Amino acid sequence: MNVSLFPDVVVNGETIPSAAIAAEAQNHTAPKDKPGIAWRKAAQALAIRTLLLQEARKRDLDADPEELAPGRFETEDEALIRALLDEALTTAPITEEAVRAEWARDPNRYRSAPLWDVSHILCACDPRDEQERLAAEARAVALLARLDGDAKGFAAAARTSDCGSKASGGHLGQLGPNDTVPEFEAALRTLAEGGMTAAPVLSRRGWHLIRLNATAPGQVLPYDTVRPKITLALEKAAWARASRDFIETLAERAQISGTNLAPI
């Protein structure tokens, strides 16, 4: 990306280095043919960050970095922004009426996790090894062609699987969300009960042929069970709105050139 094509970003007389914007742009998505969108998103994010840091220093706040994970701490700037938002933002307590109204909009949104009864055939390989991957794929495709949608023959074909489940006809038992690798679960979620993947599915373990034997959809959870989850979601939404309003207030008072804070 040619950074010279973009104007300097200046917030209340403070210039944000183009190198900083270019580095930040790596964290923002954009169409491959429109890299300027990532640049504008990065410039906007850093302009907001600069506004917040300027306000925190104006208020003479102290940074006290917190430990985010074992051995990983906030930066001074992150701690300063947190201190500012803690001081500046106020939100009204979430009422019982608001929580119940949110739940009543559609109780079906709050369900227990589904269960899937699954069988599979694994043609193992290291996906990073092209020759090994292609050989395993060819084997999986041949198995799939031989099955031709025949569910009854699946257990017999699974005897050639590279998974220990071959001893039980490829049966993996009942699985829930996050019980398998992401690629496997993503394919599983597309299947109808009794269905089988139309093509082999590649995961870090190799190529899978997957059959969904049966499914048990999650049950609608009672209000008292989901109340804490709904309350937390409403609190986060209220905080996000207060944060946006606060940033808009700072931006209205600020002199900003080279970018704007309108949604991209």
C-alpha atoms as a PDB file:
ATOM      1  CA  MET A   1       0.000   0.000   0.000  1.00  0.00           C
ATOM      2  CA  ASN A   2       1.394   3.390  -1.016  1.00  0.00           C
ATOM      3  CA  VAL A   3       0.981   5.451   2.153  1.00  0.00           C
ATOM      4  CA  SER A   4       1.930   8.639   0.294  1.00  0.00           C
ATOM      5  CA  LEU A   5      -1.511   8.529  -1.380  1.00  0.00           C
ATOM      6  CA  PHE A   6      -3.219   9.171   1.949  1.00  0.00           C
ATOM      7  CA  PRO A   7      -3.273  12.498   3.805  1.00  0.00           C
ATOM      8  CA  ASP A   8      -1.745  12.916   7.236  1.00  0.00           C
ATOM      9  CA  VAL A   9      -4.182  12.312  10.068  1.00  0.00           C
ATOM     10  CA  VAL A  10      -4.082  15.099  12.640  1.00  0.00           C
ATOM     11  CA  VAL A  11      -6.128  15.149  15.851  1.00  0.00           C
ATOM     12  CA  ASN A  12      -6.086  18.421  17.789  1.00  0.00           C
ATOM     13  CA  GLY A  13      -2.668  19.223  16.359  1.00  0.00           C
ATOM     14  CA  GLU A  14      -1.241  15.744  17.034  1.00  0.00           C
ATOM     15  CA  THR A  15      -0.142  13.907  13.869  1.00  0.00           C
ATOM     16  CA  ILE A  16      -0.618  10.139  13.725  1.00  0.00           C
ATOM     17  CA  PRO A  17       2.382   8.639  11.878  1.00  0.00           C
ATOM     18  CA  SER A  18       1.546   6.953   8.570  1.00  0.00           C
ATOM     19  CA  ALA A  19       3.623   3.974   9.674  1.00  0.00           C
ATOM     20  CA  ALA A  20       1.320   3.503  12.674  1.00  0.00           C
ATOM     21  CA  ILE A  21      -1.751   3.585  10.430  1.00  0.00           C
ATOM     22  CA  ALA A  22      -0.178   1.105   8.009  1.00  0.00           C
ATOM     23  CA  ALA A  23       0.564  -1.263  10.887  1.00  0.00           C
ATOM     24  CA  GLU A  24      -2.967  -0.905  12.278  1.00  0.00           C
ATOM     25  CA  ALA A  25      -4.458  -1.553   8.813  1.00  0.00           C
ATOM     26  CA  GLN A  26      -3.312  -5.183   9.102  1.00  0.00           C
ATOM     27  CA  ASN A  27      -5.997  -5.640  11.781  1.00  0.00           C
ATOM     28  CA  HIS A  28      -8.898  -4.483   9.579  1.00  0.00           C
ATOM     29  CA  THR A  29     -10.711  -6.346   6.820  1.00  0.00           C
ATOM     30  CA  ALA A  30     -11.291  -4.957   3.343  1.00  0.00           C
ATOM     31  CA  PRO A  31     -11.865  -6.312  -0.185  1.00  0.00           C
ATOM     32  CA  LYS A  32      -8.601  -7.340  -1.821  1.00  0.00           C
ATOM     33  CA  ASP A  33      -9.064  -4.782  -4.567  1.00  0.00           C
ATOM     34  CA  LYS A  34      -9.825  -1.948  -2.100  1.00  0.00           C
ATOM     35  CA  PRO A  35      -6.932  -1.678   0.372  1.00  0.00           C
ATOM     36  CA  GLY A  36      -7.868   1.942   0.998  1.00  0.00           C
ATOM     37  CA  ILE A  37     -10.835   0.766   3.082  1.00  0.00           C
ATOM     38  CA  ALA A  38      -8.512  -0.964   5.554  1.00  0.00           C
ATOM     39  CA  TRP A  39      -6.424   2.218   5.704  1.00  0.00           C
ATOM     40  CA  ARG A  40      -9.474   4.368   6.429  1.00  0.00           C
ATOM     41  CA  LYS A  41     -10.672   1.972   9.131  1.00  0.00           C
ATOM     42  CA  ALA A  42      -7.205   2.040  10.709  1.00  0.00           C
ATOM     43  CA  ALA A  43      -6.986   5.829  10.523  1.00  0.00           C
ATOM     44  CA  GLN A  44     -10.386   6.105  12.160  1.00  0.00           C
ATOM     45  CA  ALA A  45      -9.476   3.658  14.937  1.00  0.00           C
ATOM     46  CA  LEU A  46      -6.239   5.484  15.724  1.00  0.00           C
ATOM     47  CA  ALA A  47      -7.968   8.867  15.610  1.00  0.00           C
ATOM     48  CA  ILE A  48     -10.446   7.635  18.232  1.00  0.00           C
ATOM     49  CA  ARG A  49      -7.610   6.197  20.307  1.00  0.00           C
ATOM     50  CA  THR A  50      -5.768   9.527  20.128  1.00  0.00           C
ATOM     51  CA  LEU A  51      -8.907  11.448  21.163  1.00  0.00           C
ATOM     52  CA  LEU A  52      -9.350   9.205  24.189  1.00  0.00           C
ATOM     53  CA  LEU A  53      -5.708   9.444  25.242  1.00  0.00           C
ATOM     54  CA  GLN A  54      -5.768  13.230  24.894  1.00  0.00           C
ATOM     55  CA  GLU A  55      -8.859  13.401  27.107  1.00  0.00           C
ATOM     56  CA  ALA A  56      -7.339  11.058  29.688  1.00  0.00           C
ATOM     57  CA  ARG A  57      -4.227  13.210  29.920  1.00  0.00           C
ATOM     58  CA  LYS A  58      -6.333  16.368  30.110  1.00  0.00           C
ATOM     59  CA  ARG A  59      -8.049  14.836  33.151  1.00  0.00           C
ATOM     60  CA  ASP A  60      -4.640  13.936  34.609  1.00  0.00           C
ATOM     61  CA  LEU A  61      -5.578  10.269  34.979  1.00  0.00           C
ATOM     62  CA  ASP A  62      -3.042   7.645  36.024  1.00  0.00           C
ATOM     63  CA  ALA A  63      -2.422   4.415  34.142  1.00  0.00           C
ATOM     64  CA  ASP A  64      -2.449   1.256  36.246  1.00  0.00           C
ATOM     65  CA  PRO A  65      -2.035  -1.685  33.818  1.00  0.00           C
ATOM     66  CA  GLU A  66      -4.015  -4.790  34.741  1.00  0.00           C
ATOM     67  CA  GLU A  67      -3.012  -8.372  34.084  1.00  0.00           C
ATOM     68  CA  LEU A  68      -5.183  -9.661  31.215  1.00  0.00           C
ATOM     69  CA  ALA A  69      -3.822 -13.207  31.302  1.00  0.00           C
ATOM     70  CA  PRO A  70      -0.927 -14.898  33.079  1.00  0.00           C
ATOM     71  CA  GLY A  71       2.132 -12.802  32.225  1.00  0.00           C
ATOM     72  CA  ARG A  72       0.232 -10.513  29.797  1.00  0.00           C
ATOM     73  CA  PHE A  73      -0.533  -6.967  30.916  1.00  0.00           C
ATOM     74  CA  GLU A  74      -2.292  -3.974  29.419  1.00  0.00           C
ATOM     75  CA  THR A  75      -0.102  -1.346  27.804  1.00  0.00           C
ATOM     76  CA  GLU A  76       0.086   2.067  29.454  1.00  0.00           C
ATOM     77  CA  ASP A  77      -2.202   3.500  26.765  1.00  0.00           C
ATOM     78  CA  GLU A  78      -4.765   0.697  27.188  1.00  0.00           C
ATOM     79  CA  ALA A  79      -4.814   1.227  30.940  1.00  0.00           C
ATOM     80  CA  LEU A  80      -5.202   4.980  30.501  1.00  0.00           C
ATOM     81  CA  ILE A  81      -8.154   4.564  28.129  1.00  0.00           C
ATOM     82  CA  ARG A  82      -9.784   2.080  30.526  1.00  0.00           C
ATOM     83  CA  ALA A  83      -9.366   4.564  33.389  1.00  0.00           C
ATOM     84  CA  LEU A  84     -10.954   7.299  31.285  1.00  0.00           C
ATOM     85  CA  LEU A  85     -13.962   5.200  30.303  1.00  0.00           C
ATOM     86  CA  ASP A  86     -14.420   4.006  33.873  1.00  0.00           C
ATOM     87  CA  GLU A  87     -14.573   7.631  35.001  1.00  0.00           C
ATOM     88  CA  ALA A  88     -16.558   9.100  32.111  1.00  0.00           C
ATOM     89  CA  LEU A  89     -19.206   6.487  31.335  1.00  0.00           C
ATOM     90  CA  THR A  90     -22.334   5.962  33.347  1.00  0.00           C
ATOM     91  CA  THR A  91     -25.145   3.584  32.446  1.00  0.00           C
ATOM     92  CA  ALA A  92     -28.492   3.031  34.106  1.00  0.00           C
ATOM     93  CA  PRO A  93     -28.944  -0.294  35.931  1.00  0.00           C
ATOM     94  CA  ILE A  94     -30.633  -2.989  33.843  1.00  0.00           C
ATOM     95  CA  THR A  95     -34.139  -3.495  35.177  1.00  0.00           C
ATOM     96  CA  GLU A  96     -35.975  -6.770  35.571  1.00  0.00           C
ATOM     97  CA  GLU A  97     -38.600  -5.468  33.161  1.00  0.00           C
ATOM     98  CA  ALA A  98     -35.968  -4.839  30.472  1.00  0.00           C
ATOM     99  CA  VAL A  99     -34.487  -8.304  30.876  1.00  0.00           C
ATOM    100  CA  ARG A 100     -37.873 -10.007  30.721  1.00  0.00           C
ATOM    101  CA  ALA A 101     -38.901  -7.947  27.684  1.00  0.00           C
ATOM    102  CA  GLU A 102     -35.720  -8.946  25.841  1.00  0.00           C
ATOM    103  CA  TRP A 103     -36.345 -12.611  26.645  1.00  0.00           C
ATOM    104  CA  ALA A 104     -39.998 -12.364  25.585  1.00  0.00           C
ATOM    105  CA  ARG A 105     -39.049 -11.045  22.134  1.00  0.00           C
ATOM    106  CA  ASP A 106     -38.072 -14.595  21.157  1.00  0.00           C
ATOM    107  CA  PRO A 107     -37.480 -17.238  23.845  1.00  0.00           C
ATOM    108  CA  ASN A 108     -36.381 -19.657  21.089  1.00  0.00           C
ATOM    109  CA  ARG A 109     -33.059 -17.802  20.910  1.00  0.00           C
ATOM    110  CA  TYR A 110     -32.095 -19.277  24.252  1.00  0.00           C
ATOM    111  CA  ARG A 111     -31.619 -23.004  23.910  1.00  0.00           C
ATOM    112  CA  SER A 112     -29.408 -25.698  25.323  1.00  0.00           C
ATOM    113  CA  ALA A 113     -26.724 -27.007  22.971  1.00  0.00           C
ATOM    114  CA  PRO A 114     -27.843 -29.497  20.309  1.00  0.00           C
ATOM    115  CA  LEU A 115     -26.571 -33.071  20.254  1.00  0.00           C
ATOM    116  CA  TRP A 116     -25.533 -34.886  17.092  1.00  0.00           C
ATOM    117  CA  ASP A 117     -25.160 -38.643  16.709  1.00  0.00           C
ATOM    118  CA  VAL A 118     -22.299 -38.911  14.233  1.00  0.00           C
ATOM    119  CA  SER A 119     -20.269 -41.440  12.281  1.00  0.00           C
ATOM    120  CA  HIS A 120     -17.268 -40.731  10.120  1.00  0.00           C
ATOM    121  CA  ILE A 121     -14.494 -42.249   8.042  1.00  0.00           C
ATOM    122  CA  LEU A 122     -11.057 -40.667   8.292  1.00  0.00           C
ATOM    123  CA  CYS A 123      -8.405 -40.778   5.591  1.00  0.00           C
ATOM    124  CA  ALA A 124      -5.558 -39.402   7.665  1.00  0.00           C
ATOM    125  CA  CYS A 125      -2.811 -37.153   6.330  1.00  0.00           C
ATOM    126  CA  ASP A 126      -0.755 -34.108   7.164  1.00  0.00           C
ATOM    127  CA  PRO A 127      -2.534 -31.333   5.200  1.00  0.00           C
ATOM    128  CA  ARG A 128       0.761 -29.445   4.966  1.00  0.00           C
ATOM    129  CA  ASP A 129       2.275 -32.271   2.909  1.00  0.00           C
ATOM    130  CA  GLU A 130       0.817 -31.804  -0.586  1.00  0.00           C
ATOM    131  CA  GLN A 131       1.617 -35.297  -1.840  1.00  0.00           C
ATOM    132  CA  GLU A 132       0.198 -36.938   1.272  1.00  0.00           C
ATOM    133  CA  ARG A 133      -2.871 -34.700   1.213  1.00  0.00           C
ATOM    134  CA  LEU A 134      -3.668 -35.460  -2.425  1.00  0.00           C
ATOM    135  CA  ALA A 135      -3.237 -39.200  -1.922  1.00  0.00           C
ATOM    136  CA  ALA A 136      -5.553 -39.193   1.091  1.00  0.00           C
ATOM    137  CA  GLU A 137      -8.098 -37.097  -0.802  1.00  0.00           C
ATOM    138  CA  ALA A 138      -8.098 -39.529  -3.709  1.00  0.00           C
ATOM    139  CA  ARG A 139      -8.724 -42.385  -1.287  1.00  0.00           C
ATOM    140  CA  ALA A 140     -11.603 -40.468   0.360  1.00  0.00           C
ATOM    141  CA  VAL A 141     -13.183 -39.611  -2.995  1.00  0.00           C
ATOM    142  CA  ALA A 142     -13.011 -43.262  -4.055  1.00  0.00           C
ATOM    143  CA  LEU A 143     -14.694 -44.356  -0.814  1.00  0.00           C
ATOM    144  CA  LEU A 144     -17.417 -41.754  -1.295  1.00  0.00           C
ATOM    145  CA  ALA A 145     -18.074 -42.888  -4.852  1.00  0.00           C
ATOM    146  CA  ARG A 146     -18.322 -46.490  -3.705  1.00  0.00           C
ATOM    147  CA  LEU A 147     -20.844 -45.546  -1.015  1.00  0.00           C
ATOM    148  CA  ASP A 148     -22.923 -43.431  -3.414  1.00  0.00           C
ATOM    149  CA  GLY A 149     -25.123 -42.241  -0.558  1.00  0.00           C
ATOM    150  CA  ASP A 150     -25.610 -45.753   0.827  1.00  0.00           C
ATOM    151  CA  ALA A 151     -25.996 -45.184   4.560  1.00  0.00           C
ATOM    152  CA  LYS A 152     -26.182 -48.922   5.264  1.00  0.00           C
ATOM    153  CA  GLY A 153     -22.771 -49.473   3.716  1.00  0.00           C
ATOM    154  CA  PHE A 154     -21.159 -46.692   5.767  1.00  0.00           C
ATOM    155  CA  ALA A 155     -20.319 -48.885   8.758  1.00  0.00           C
ATOM    156  CA  ALA A 156     -18.696 -51.498   6.539  1.00  0.00           C
ATOM    157  CA  ALA A 157     -16.662 -48.878   4.659  1.00  0.00           C
ATOM    158  CA  ALA A 158     -15.579 -47.385   7.992  1.00  0.00           C
ATOM    159  CA  ARG A 159     -13.500 -50.479   8.694  1.00  0.00           C
ATOM    160  CA  THR A 160     -10.814 -48.883   6.510  1.00  0.00           C
ATOM    161  CA  SER A 161     -10.895 -45.638   8.530  1.00  0.00           C
ATOM    162  CA  ASP A 162      -7.721 -44.289  10.128  1.00  0.00           C
ATOM    163  CA  CYS A 163      -9.696 -43.433  13.282  1.00  0.00           C
ATOM    164  CA  GLY A 164     -10.130 -45.727  16.273  1.00  0.00           C
ATOM    165  CA  SER A 165     -13.871 -45.472  15.708  1.00  0.00           C
ATOM    166  CA  LYS A 166     -13.500 -47.970  12.844  1.00  0.00           C
ATOM    167  CA  ALA A 167     -14.022 -50.729  15.420  1.00  0.00           C
ATOM    168  CA  SER A 168     -17.576 -49.444  15.887  1.00  0.00           C
ATOM    169  CA  GLY A 169     -18.349 -48.750  12.244  1.00  0.00           C
ATOM    170  CA  GLY A 170     -17.075 -45.195  12.424  1.00  0.00           C
ATOM    171  CA  HIS A 171     -19.560 -44.282  15.153  1.00  0.00           C
ATOM    172  CA  LEU A 172     -18.374 -41.345  17.261  1.00  0.00           C
ATOM    173  CA  GLY A 173     -21.400 -41.278  19.546  1.00  0.00           C
ATOM    174  CA  GLN A 174     -23.171 -38.103  20.591  1.00  0.00           C
ATOM    175  CA  LEU A 175     -21.300 -34.852  19.998  1.00  0.00           C
ATOM    176  CA  GLY A 176     -22.053 -31.277  20.968  1.00  0.00           C
ATOM    177  CA  PRO A 177     -20.657 -27.907  19.879  1.00  0.00           C
ATOM    178  CA  ASN A 178     -16.842 -27.671  20.186  1.00  0.00           C
ATOM    179  CA  ASP A 179     -16.456 -31.443  20.621  1.00  0.00           C
ATOM    180  CA  THR A 180     -14.708 -31.706  17.242  1.00  0.00           C
ATOM    181  CA  VAL A 181     -12.300 -29.618  15.197  1.00  0.00           C
ATOM    182  CA  PRO A 182     -13.956 -26.500  13.660  1.00  0.00           C
ATOM    183  CA  GLU A 183     -13.849 -27.789  10.081  1.00  0.00           C
ATOM    184  CA  PHE A 184     -15.639 -30.993  11.081  1.00  0.00           C
ATOM    185  CA  GLU A 185     -18.343 -29.167  13.038  1.00  0.00           C
ATOM    186  CA  ALA A 186     -18.927 -26.639  10.262  1.00  0.00           C
ATOM    187  CA  ALA A 187     -19.644 -29.478   7.823  1.00  0.00           C
ATOM    188  CA  LEU A 188     -21.749 -31.323  10.384  1.00  0.00           C
ATOM    189  CA  ARG A 189     -24.019 -28.306  10.842  1.00  0.00           C
ATOM    190  CA  THR A 190     -24.926 -28.369   7.127  1.00  0.00           C
ATOM    191  CA  LEU A 191     -26.253 -31.934   7.206  1.00  0.00           C
ATOM    192  CA  ALA A 192     -29.833 -33.055   7.495  1.00  0.00           C
ATOM    193  CA  GLU A 193     -30.579 -35.991   9.758  1.00  0.00           C
ATOM    194  CA  GLY A 194     -29.503 -39.164   7.976  1.00  0.00           C
ATOM    195  CA  GLY A 195     -27.401 -37.159   5.525  1.00  0.00           C
ATOM    196  CA  MET A 196     -23.781 -37.564   4.513  1.00  0.00           C
ATOM    197  CA  THR A 197     -21.261 -35.031   3.263  1.00  0.00           C
ATOM    198  CA  ALA A 198     -21.304 -34.743  -0.526  1.00  0.00           C
ATOM    199  CA  ALA A 199     -17.529 -34.335  -0.638  1.00  0.00           C
ATOM    200  CA  PRO A 200     -14.645 -35.165   1.707  1.00  0.00           C
ATOM    201  CA  VAL A 201     -14.015 -32.556   4.409  1.00  0.00           C
ATOM    202  CA  LEU A 202     -10.426 -31.546   5.153  1.00  0.00           C
ATOM    203  CA  SER A 203      -9.340 -30.909   8.734  1.00  0.00           C
ATOM    204  CA  ARG A 204      -5.966 -30.801  10.439  1.00  0.00           C
ATOM    205  CA  ARG A 205      -6.262 -34.576  10.833  1.00  0.00           C
ATOM    206  CA  GLY A 206      -7.029 -35.449   7.229  1.00  0.00           C
ATOM    207  CA  TRP A 207     -10.090 -36.045   5.052  1.00  0.00           C
ATOM    208  CA  HIS A 208     -13.418 -36.979   6.637  1.00  0.00           C
ATOM    209  CA  LEU A 209     -16.584 -38.548   5.278  1.00  0.00           C
ATOM    210  CA  ILE A 210     -19.251 -37.543   7.792  1.00  0.00           C
ATOM    211  CA  ARG A 211     -22.697 -38.982   8.419  1.00  0.00           C
ATOM    212  CA  LEU A 212     -25.279 -37.396  10.719  1.00  0.00           C
ATOM    213  CA  ASN A 213     -27.225 -40.363  12.088  1.00  0.00           C
ATOM    214  CA  ALA A 214     -29.599 -38.371  14.276  1.00  0.00           C
ATOM    215  CA  THR A 215     -29.904 -34.972  15.877  1.00  0.00           C
ATOM    216  CA  ALA A 216     -31.457 -33.720  19.098  1.00  0.00           C
ATOM    217  CA  PRO A 217     -32.085 -29.965  18.896  1.00  0.00           C
ATOM    218  CA  GLY A 218     -31.449 -27.963  22.029  1.00  0.00           C
ATOM    219  CA  GLN A 219     -34.379 -27.297  24.329  1.00  0.00           C
ATOM    220  CA  VAL A 220     -35.719 -23.813  25.061  1.00  0.00           C
ATOM    221  CA  LEU A 221     -34.230 -22.785  28.397  1.00  0.00           C
ATOM    222  CA  PRO A 222     -36.386 -21.364  31.205  1.00  0.00           C
ATOM    223  CA  TYR A 223     -36.237 -17.634  31.885  1.00  0.00           C
ATOM    224  CA  ASP A 224     -34.471 -17.973  35.247  1.00  0.00           C
ATOM    225  CA  THR A 225     -31.672 -19.955  33.602  1.00  0.00           C
ATOM    226  CA  VAL A 226     -30.933 -17.391  30.882  1.00  0.00           C
ATOM    227  CA  ARG A 227     -31.631 -14.254  32.923  1.00  0.00           C
ATOM    228  CA  PRO A 228     -27.931 -13.679  33.870  1.00  0.00           C
ATOM    229  CA  LYS A 229     -26.851 -14.080  30.237  1.00  0.00           C
ATOM    230  CA  ILE A 230     -29.470 -11.606  29.001  1.00  0.00           C
ATOM    231  CA  THR A 231     -28.598  -9.126  31.750  1.00  0.00           C
ATOM    232  CA  LEU A 232     -24.919  -9.245  30.810  1.00  0.00           C
ATOM    233  CA  ALA A 233     -25.729  -8.740  27.118  1.00  0.00           C
ATOM    234  CA  LEU A 234     -27.900  -5.724  27.889  1.00  0.00           C
ATOM    235  CA  GLU A 235     -25.201  -4.258  30.134  1.00  0.00           C
ATOM    236  CA  LYS A 236     -22.615  -4.629  27.363  1.00  0.00           C
ATOM    237  CA  ALA A 237     -24.963  -3.032  24.834  1.00  0.00           C
ATOM    238  CA  ALA A 238     -25.646  -0.101  27.170  1.00  0.00           C
ATOM    239  CA  TRP A 239     -21.925   0.380  27.768  1.00  0.00           C
ATOM    240  CA  ALA A 240     -21.231   0.299  24.014  1.00  0.00           C
ATOM    241  CA  ARG A 241     -23.886   2.969  23.390  1.00  0.00           C
ATOM    242  CA  ALA A 242     -22.485   5.159  26.171  1.00  0.00           C
ATOM    243  CA  SER A 243     -18.991   4.717  24.761  1.00  0.00           C
ATOM    244  CA  ARG A 244     -20.111   5.748  21.243  1.00  0.00           C
ATOM    245  CA  ASP A 245     -21.911   8.800  22.627  1.00  0.00           C
ATOM    246  CA  PHE A 246     -18.830   9.831  24.613  1.00  0.00           C
ATOM    247  CA  ILE A 247     -16.550   9.498  21.582  1.00  0.00           C
ATOM    248  CA  GLU A 248     -19.003  11.513  19.462  1.00  0.00           C
ATOM    249  CA  THR A 249     -18.939  14.258  22.081  1.00  0.00           C
ATOM    250  CA  LEU A 250     -15.134  14.359  22.031  1.00  0.00           C
ATOM    251  CA  ALA A 251     -15.109  14.377  18.219  1.00  0.00           C
ATOM    252  CA  GLU A 252     -17.562  17.289  18.034  1.00  0.00           C
ATOM    253  CA  ARG A 253     -15.174  19.407  20.129  1.00  0.00           C
ATOM    254  CA  ALA A 254     -12.056  18.241  18.300  1.00  0.00           C
ATOM    255  CA  GLN A 255     -10.216  19.418  15.206  1.00  0.00           C
ATOM    256  CA  ILE A 256      -9.596  16.336  13.038  1.00  0.00           C
ATOM    257  CA  SER A 257      -8.153  16.257   9.533  1.00  0.00           C
ATOM    258  CA  GLY A 258      -7.196  13.381   7.238  1.00  0.00           C
ATOM    259  CA  THR A 259     -10.081  11.177   8.381  1.00  0.00           C
ATOM    260  CA  ASN A 260     -13.571  11.330   9.835  1.00  0.00           C
ATOM    261  CA  LEU A 261     -15.376   9.223  12.376  1.00  0.00           C
ATOM    262  CA  ALA A 262     -18.437   8.371  10.285  1.00  0.00           C
ATOM    263  CA  PRO A 263     -19.084   4.603   9.969  1.00  0.00           C
ATOM    264  CA  ILE A 264     -17.235   3.005   7.051  1.00  0.00           C
END
